[in-house]
């Protein structure tokens, strides 16, 4: 029962983001498939800390982190 509720909640959140968040839509378009989009989010957030949502989405769109985030790679 809990899994079904969480699945419906995730579906609702993704639908809202698809409708209202322009950076989300641009990032999804840049990565083409929804599954690939979430794989990218899961991978880069495991290794990098993003200061905000905009920086995360812009990194997904450009396939290159901002200088602030890129500095984490040289540590």
PDB file of N, CA and C in Angstrom:
ATOM      1  N   UNK A   1       0.815  -1.191   0.000  1.00  0.00           N
ATOM      2  CA  UNK A   1       0.000   0.000   0.000  1.00  0.00           C
ATOM      3  C   UNK A   1       0.866   1.265   0.000  1.00  0.00           C
ATOM      4  N   UNK A   2       1.926   1.252   0.813  1.00  0.00           N
ATOM      5  CA  UNK A   2       2.816   2.410   0.900  1.00  0.00           C
ATOM      6  C   UNK A   2       3.515   2.659  -0.437  1.00  0.00           C
ATOM      7  N   UNK A   3       3.945   1.569  -1.097  1.00  0.00           N
ATOM      8  CA  UNK A   3       4.608   1.706  -2.389  1.00  0.00           C
ATOM      9  C   UNK A   3       3.679   2.367  -3.405  1.00  0.00           C
ATOM     10  N   UNK A   4       2.424   1.961  -3.430  1.00  0.00           N
ATOM     11  CA  UNK A   4       1.460   2.541  -4.361  1.00  0.00           C
ATOM     12  C   UNK A   4       1.265   4.029  -4.089  1.00  0.00           C
ATOM     13  N   UNK A   5       1.194   4.403  -2.812  1.00  0.00           N
ATOM     14  CA  UNK A   5       1.027   5.815  -2.460  1.00  0.00           C
ATOM     15  C   UNK A   5       2.241   6.635  -2.871  1.00  0.00           C
ATOM     16  N   UNK A   6       3.437   6.111  -2.630  1.00  0.00           N
ATOM     17  CA  UNK A   6       4.659   6.824  -3.016  1.00  0.00           C
ATOM     18  C   UNK A   6       4.774   6.946  -4.538  1.00  0.00           C
ATOM     19  N   UNK A   7       4.365   5.909  -5.244  1.00  0.00           N
ATOM     20  CA  UNK A   7       4.399   5.926  -6.703  1.00  0.00           C
ATOM     21  C   UNK A   7       3.446   6.992  -7.253  1.00  0.00           C
ATOM     22  N   UNK A   8       2.259   7.081  -6.693  1.00  0.00           N
ATOM     23  CA  UNK A   8       1.298   8.104  -7.117  1.00  0.00           C
ATOM     24  C   UNK A   8       1.789   9.506  -6.785  1.00  0.00           C
ATOM     25  N   UNK A   9       2.419   9.661  -5.641  1.00  0.00           N
ATOM     26  CA  UNK A   9       2.980  10.951  -5.259  1.00  0.00           C
ATOM     27  C   UNK A   9       4.089  11.371  -6.227  1.00  0.00           C
ATOM     28  N   UNK A  10       4.955  10.441  -6.587  1.00  0.00           N
ATOM     29  CA  UNK A  10       6.028  10.735  -7.545  1.00  0.00           C
ATOM     30  C   UNK A  10       5.443  11.116  -8.905  1.00  0.00           C
ATOM     31  N   UNK A  11       4.438  10.390  -9.351  1.00  0.00           N
ATOM     32  CA  UNK A  11       3.801  10.707 -10.625  1.00  0.00           C
ATOM     33  C   UNK A  11       3.205  12.115 -10.599  1.00  0.00           C
ATOM     34  N   UNK A  12       2.544  12.458  -9.499  1.00  0.00           N
ATOM     35  CA  UNK A  12       1.949  13.791  -9.380  1.00  0.00           C
ATOM     36  C   UNK A  12       3.022  14.876  -9.386  1.00  0.00           C
ATOM     37  N   UNK A  13       4.107  14.658  -8.668  1.00  0.00           N
ATOM     38  CA  UNK A  13       5.200  15.637  -8.624  1.00  0.00           C
ATOM     39  C   UNK A  13       5.825  15.830 -10.002  1.00  0.00           C
ATOM     40  N   UNK A  14       6.049  14.748 -10.716  1.00  0.00           N
ATOM     41  CA  UNK A  14       6.636  14.846 -12.055  1.00  0.00           C
ATOM     42  C   UNK A  14       5.690  15.565 -13.014  1.00  0.00           C
ATOM     43  N   UNK A  15       4.408  15.329 -12.880  1.00  0.00           N
ATOM     44  CA  UNK A  15       3.429  16.002 -13.727  1.00  0.00           C
ATOM     45  C   UNK A  15       3.428  17.502 -13.462  1.00  0.00           C
ATOM     46  N   UNK A  16       3.482  17.887 -12.194  1.00  0.00           N
ATOM     47  CA  UNK A  16       3.540  19.309 -11.839  1.00  0.00           C
ATOM     48  C   UNK A  16       4.812  19.941 -12.384  1.00  0.00           C
ATOM     49  N   UNK A  17       5.954  19.279 -12.210  1.00  0.00           N
ATOM     50  CA  UNK A  17       7.221  19.812 -12.732  1.00  0.00           C
ATOM     51  C   UNK A  17       7.189  19.939 -14.256  1.00  0.00           C
ATOM     52  N   UNK A  18       6.635  18.938 -14.923  1.00  0.00           N
ATOM     53  CA  UNK A  18       6.520  19.002 -16.386  1.00  0.00           C
ATOM     54  C   UNK A  18       5.679  20.188 -16.826  1.00  0.00           C
ATOM     55  N   UNK A  19       4.682  20.537 -16.036  1.00  0.00           N
ATOM     56  CA  UNK A  19       3.764  21.612 -16.406  1.00  0.00           C
ATOM     57  C   UNK A  19       4.262  23.002 -16.026  1.00  0.00           C
ATOM     58  N   UNK A  20       4.951  23.113 -14.905  1.00  0.00           N
ATOM     59  CA  UNK A  20       5.251  24.437 -14.360  1.00  0.00           C
ATOM     60  C   UNK A  20       6.725  24.841 -14.383  1.00  0.00           C
ATOM     61  N   UNK A  21       7.625  23.906 -14.363  1.00  0.00           N
ATOM     62  CA  UNK A  21       9.045  24.226 -14.220  1.00  0.00           C
ATOM     63  C   UNK A  21       9.750  24.191 -15.577  1.00  0.00           C
ATOM     64  N   UNK A  22      10.138  25.352 -16.082  1.00  0.00           N
ATOM     65  CA  UNK A  22      10.747  25.450 -17.407  1.00  0.00           C
ATOM     66  C   UNK A  22      12.125  24.809 -17.456  1.00  0.00           C
ATOM     67  N   UNK A  23      12.944  24.976 -16.404  1.00  0.00           N
ATOM     68  CA  UNK A  23      14.269  24.346 -16.394  1.00  0.00           C
ATOM     69  C   UNK A  23      14.158  22.829 -16.379  1.00  0.00           C
ATOM     70  N   UNK A  24      13.189  22.301 -15.647  1.00  0.00           N
ATOM     71  CA  UNK A  24      12.947  20.857 -15.602  1.00  0.00           C
ATOM     72  C   UNK A  24      12.649  20.345 -17.010  1.00  0.00           C
ATOM     73  N   UNK A  25      11.773  21.044 -17.709  1.00  0.00           N
ATOM     74  CA  UNK A  25      11.394  20.639 -19.065  1.00  0.00           C
ATOM     75  C   UNK A  25      12.587  20.712 -20.010  1.00  0.00           C
ATOM     76  N   UNK A  26      13.384  21.767 -19.903  1.00  0.00           N
ATOM     77  CA  UNK A  26      14.568  21.904 -20.759  1.00  0.00           C
ATOM     78  C   UNK A  26      15.593  20.802 -20.464  1.00  0.00           C
ATOM     79  N   UNK A  27      15.783  20.481 -19.193  1.00  0.00           N
ATOM     80  CA  UNK A  27      16.724  19.421 -18.825  1.00  0.00           C
ATOM     81  C   UNK A  27      16.231  18.062 -19.315  1.00  0.00           C
ATOM     82  N   UNK A  28      14.937  17.805 -19.182  1.00  0.00           N
ATOM     83  CA  UNK A  28      14.387  16.537 -19.681  1.00  0.00           C
ATOM     84  C   UNK A  28      14.542  16.432 -21.185  1.00  0.00           C
ATOM     85  N   UNK A  29      14.344  17.541 -21.878  1.00  0.00           N
ATOM     86  CA  UNK A  29      14.514  17.549 -23.331  1.00  0.00           C
ATOM     87  C   UNK A  29      15.969  17.295 -23.706  1.00  0.00           C
ATOM     88  N   UNK A  30      16.895  17.888 -22.956  1.00  0.00           N
ATOM     89  CA  UNK A  30      18.328  17.718 -23.239  1.00  0.00           C
ATOM     90  C   UNK A  30      18.766  16.267 -23.058  1.00  0.00           C
ATOM     91  N   UNK A  31      18.175  15.567 -22.107  1.00  0.00           N
ATOM     92  CA  UNK A  31      18.564  14.171 -21.848  1.00  0.00           C
ATOM     93  C   UNK A  31      17.684  13.174 -22.591  1.00  0.00           C
ATOM     94  N   UNK A  32      16.711  13.646 -23.287  1.00  0.00           N
ATOM     95  CA  UNK A  32      15.806  12.891 -24.147  1.00  0.00           C
ATOM     96  C   UNK A  32      14.860  11.963 -23.393  1.00  0.00           C
ATOM     97  N   UNK A  33      15.307  10.842 -22.903  1.00  0.00           N
ATOM     98  CA  UNK A  33      14.412   9.878 -22.254  1.00  0.00           C
ATOM     99  C   UNK A  33      14.280  10.186 -20.765  1.00  0.00           C
ATOM    100  N   UNK A  34      13.081  10.011 -20.221  1.00  0.00           N
ATOM    101  CA  UNK A  34      12.837  10.279 -18.796  1.00  0.00           C
ATOM    102  C   UNK A  34      13.746   9.421 -17.918  1.00  0.00           C
ATOM    103  N   UNK A  35      13.913   8.157 -18.271  1.00  0.00           N
ATOM    104  CA  UNK A  35      14.753   7.272 -17.467  1.00  0.00           C
ATOM    105  C   UNK A  35      16.195   7.767 -17.447  1.00  0.00           C
ATOM    106  N   UNK A  36      16.687   8.208 -18.588  1.00  0.00           N
ATOM    107  CA  UNK A  36      18.058   8.721 -18.674  1.00  0.00           C
ATOM    108  C   UNK A  36      18.209  10.001 -17.846  1.00  0.00           C
ATOM    109  N   UNK A  37      17.194  10.838 -17.864  1.00  0.00           N
ATOM    110  CA  UNK A  37      17.194  12.075 -17.080  1.00  0.00           C
ATOM    111  C   UNK A  37      17.385  11.768 -15.601  1.00  0.00           C
ATOM    112  N   UNK A  38      16.631  10.813 -15.073  1.00  0.00           N
ATOM    113  CA  UNK A  38      16.735  10.470 -13.659  1.00  0.00           C
ATOM    114  C   UNK A  38      18.045   9.750 -13.345  1.00  0.00           C
ATOM    115  N   UNK A  39      18.581   9.006 -14.294  1.00  0.00           N
ATOM    116  CA  UNK A  39      19.898   8.389 -14.093  1.00  0.00           C
ATOM    117  C   UNK A  39      20.966   9.468 -13.950  1.00  0.00           C
ATOM    118  N   UNK A  40      20.884  10.510 -14.761  1.00  0.00           N
ATOM    119  CA  UNK A  40      21.840  11.617 -14.661  1.00  0.00           C
ATOM    120  C   UNK A  40      21.718  12.329 -13.314  1.00  0.00           C
ATOM    121  N   UNK A  41      20.507  12.599 -12.874  1.00  0.00           N
ATOM    122  CA  UNK A  41      20.320  13.254 -11.578  1.00  0.00           C
ATOM    123  C   UNK A  41      20.905  12.389 -10.461  1.00  0.00           C
ATOM    124  N   UNK A  42      20.608  11.107 -10.478  1.00  0.00           N
ATOM    125  CA  UNK A  42      21.092  10.198  -9.443  1.00  0.00           C
ATOM    126  C   UNK A  42      22.624  10.148  -9.435  1.00  0.00           C
ATOM    127  N   UNK A  43      23.229  10.112 -10.604  1.00  0.00           N
ATOM    128  CA  UNK A  43      24.684  10.000 -10.687  1.00  0.00           C
ATOM    129  C   UNK A  43      25.389  11.272 -10.240  1.00  0.00           C
ATOM    130  N   UNK A  44      24.994  12.417 -10.780  1.00  0.00           N
ATOM    131  CA  UNK A  44      25.742  13.635 -10.445  1.00  0.00           C
ATOM    132  C   UNK A  44      25.499  14.106  -9.025  1.00  0.00           C
ATOM    133  N   UNK A  45      24.332  13.829  -8.458  1.00  0.00           N
ATOM    134  CA  UNK A  45      24.108  14.253  -7.074  1.00  0.00           C
ATOM    135  C   UNK A  45      24.798  13.327  -6.078  1.00  0.00           C
ATOM    136  N   UNK A  46      25.246  12.165  -6.530  1.00  0.00           N
ATOM    137  CA  UNK A  46      26.023  11.285  -5.658  1.00  0.00           C
ATOM    138  C   UNK A  46      27.438  11.818  -5.467  1.00  0.00           C
ATOM    139  N   UNK A  47      27.939  12.611  -6.426  1.00  0.00           N
ATOM    140  CA  UNK A  47      29.325  13.066  -6.382  1.00  0.00           C
ATOM    141  C   UNK A  47      29.484  14.569  -6.186  1.00  0.00           C
ATOM    142  N   UNK A  48      28.464  15.333  -6.517  1.00  0.00           N
ATOM    143  CA  UNK A  48      28.560  16.784  -6.428  1.00  0.00           C
ATOM    144  C   UNK A  48      27.420  17.353  -5.594  1.00  0.00           C
ATOM    145  N   UNK A  49      27.704  18.446  -4.890  1.00  0.00           N
ATOM    146  CA  UNK A  49      26.684  19.145  -4.122  1.00  0.00           C
ATOM    147  C   UNK A  49      26.338  20.423  -4.879  1.00  0.00           C
ATOM    148  N   UNK A  50      25.071  20.599  -5.199  1.00  0.00           N
ATOM    149  CA  UNK A  50      24.620  21.771  -5.941  1.00  0.00           C
ATOM    150  C   UNK A  50      24.003  22.770  -4.982  1.00  0.00           C
ATOM    151  N   UNK A  51      24.344  24.055  -5.149  1.00  0.00           N
ATOM    152  CA  UNK A  51      23.832  25.064  -4.219  1.00  0.00           C
ATOM    153  C   UNK A  51      22.331  25.325  -4.354  1.00  0.00           C
ATOM    154  N   UNK A  52      21.787  25.052  -5.538  1.00  0.00           N
ATOM    155  CA  UNK A  52      20.362  25.291  -5.725  1.00  0.00           C
ATOM    156  C   UNK A  52      19.836  24.501  -6.929  1.00  0.00           C
ATOM    157  N   UNK A  53      18.536  24.530  -7.062  1.00  0.00           N
ATOM    158  CA  UNK A  53      17.826  23.812  -8.129  1.00  0.00           C
ATOM    159  C   UNK A  53      18.258  24.299  -9.514  1.00  0.00           C
ATOM    160  N   UNK A  54      18.394  25.608  -9.664  1.00  0.00           N
ATOM    161  CA  UNK A  54      18.747  26.182 -10.963  1.00  0.00           C
ATOM    162  C   UNK A  54      20.098  25.672 -11.438  1.00  0.00           C
ATOM    163  N   UNK A  55      21.067  25.607 -10.549  1.00  0.00           N
ATOM    164  CA  UNK A  55      22.402  25.129 -10.918  1.00  0.00           C
ATOM    165  C   UNK A  55      22.356  23.660 -11.327  1.00  0.00           C
ATOM    166  N   UNK A  56      21.596  22.854 -10.608  1.00  0.00           N
ATOM    167  CA  UNK A  56      21.454  21.439 -10.961  1.00  0.00           C
ATOM    168  C   UNK A  56      20.826  21.278 -12.338  1.00  0.00           C
ATOM    169  N   UNK A  57      19.728  21.968 -12.582  1.00  0.00           N
ATOM    170  CA  UNK A  57      19.051  21.849 -13.875  1.00  0.00           C
ATOM    171  C   UNK A  57      19.919  22.389 -15.012  1.00  0.00           C
ATOM    172  N   UNK A  58      20.632  23.493 -14.783  1.00  0.00           N
ATOM    173  CA  UNK A  58      21.486  24.066 -15.824  1.00  0.00           C
ATOM    174  C   UNK A  58      22.642  23.117 -16.153  1.00  0.00           C
ATOM    175  N   UNK A  59      23.147  22.419 -15.143  1.00  0.00           N
ATOM    176  CA  UNK A  59      24.199  21.423 -15.377  1.00  0.00           C
ATOM    177  C   UNK A  59      23.677  20.286 -16.245  1.00  0.00           C
ATOM    178  N   UNK A  60      22.457  19.853 -16.003  1.00  0.00           N
ATOM    179  CA  UNK A  60      21.866  18.799 -16.829  1.00  0.00           C
ATOM    180  C   UNK A  60      21.636  19.270 -18.261  1.00  0.00           C
ATOM    181  N   UNK A  61      21.228  20.514 -18.413  1.00  0.00           N
ATOM    182  CA  UNK A  61      20.969  21.057 -19.751  1.00  0.00           C
ATOM    183  C   UNK A  61      22.268  21.180 -20.547  1.00  0.00           C
ATOM    184  N   UNK A  62      23.309  21.754 -19.908  1.00  0.00           N
ATOM    185  CA  UNK A  62      24.573  22.032 -20.599  1.00  0.00           C
ATOM    186  C   UNK A  62      25.529  20.849 -20.609  1.00  0.00           C
ATOM    187  N   UNK A  63      25.267  19.849 -19.790  1.00  0.00           N
ATOM    188  CA  UNK A  63      26.167  18.707 -19.602  1.00  0.00           C
ATOM    189  C   UNK A  63      27.546  19.157 -19.122  1.00  0.00           C
ATOM    190  N   UNK A  64      27.562  20.269 -18.394  1.00  0.00           N
ATOM    191  CA  UNK A  64      28.809  20.796 -17.834  1.00  0.00           C
ATOM    192  C   UNK A  64      28.458  21.567 -16.565  1.00  0.00           C
ATOM    193  N   UNK A  65      29.137  21.262 -15.442  1.00  0.00           N
ATOM    194  CA  UNK A  65      28.815  21.964 -14.195  1.00  0.00           C
ATOM    195  C   UNK A  65      29.285  23.415 -14.215  1.00  0.00           C
ATOM    196  N   UNK A  66      28.644  24.225 -13.396  1.00  0.00           N
ATOM    197  CA  UNK A  66      29.051  25.623 -13.265  1.00  0.00           C
ATOM    198  C   UNK A  66      30.417  25.673 -12.587  1.00  0.00           C
ATOM    199  N   UNK A  67      31.147  26.788 -12.703  1.00  0.00           N
ATOM    200  CA  UNK A  67      32.479  26.885 -12.088  1.00  0.00           C
ATOM    201  C   UNK A  67      32.466  26.612 -10.583  1.00  0.00           C
ATOM    202  N   UNK A  68      31.420  27.053  -9.894  1.00  0.00           N
ATOM    203  CA  UNK A  68      31.314  26.828  -8.448  1.00  0.00           C
ATOM    204  C   UNK A  68      31.254  25.330  -8.141  1.00  0.00           C
ATOM    205  N   UNK A  69      30.475  24.606  -8.881  1.00  0.00           N
ATOM    206  CA  UNK A  69      30.337  23.152  -8.665  1.00  0.00           C
ATOM    207  C   UNK A  69      31.570  22.430  -9.179  1.00  0.00           C
ATOM    208  N   UNK A  70      32.132  22.896 -10.273  1.00  0.00           N
ATOM    209  CA  UNK A  70      33.307  22.266 -10.859  1.00  0.00           C
ATOM    210  C   UNK A  70      34.516  22.334  -9.914  1.00  0.00           C
ATOM    211  N   UNK A  71      34.559  23.355  -9.058  1.00  0.00           N
ATOM    212  CA  UNK A  71      35.647  23.477  -8.085  1.00  0.00           C
ATOM    213  C   UNK A  71      35.683  22.290  -7.133  1.00  0.00           C
ATOM    214  N   UNK A  72      34.548  21.648  -6.921  1.00  0.00           N
ATOM    215  CA  UNK A  72      34.500  20.462  -6.053  1.00  0.00           C
ATOM    216  C   UNK A  72      35.287  19.298  -6.656  1.00  0.00           C
ATOM    217  N   UNK A  73      35.403  19.270  -7.969  1.00  0.00           N
ATOM    218  CA  UNK A  73      36.089  18.184  -8.642  1.00  0.00           C
ATOM    219  C   UNK A  73      37.598  18.230  -8.451  1.00  0.00           C
ATOM    220  N   UNK A  74      38.136  19.424  -8.181  1.00  0.00           N
ATOM    221  CA  UNK A  74      39.582  19.577  -8.060  1.00  0.00           C
ATOM    222  C   UNK A  74      40.078  19.356  -6.634  1.00  0.00           C
ATOM    223  N   UNK A  75      39.166  19.171  -5.704  1.00  0.00           N
ATOM    224  CA  UNK A  75      39.570  18.958  -4.302  1.00  0.00           C
ATOM    225  C   UNK A  75      40.100  17.576  -4.077  1.00  0.00           C
TER     226      UNK A  75
END
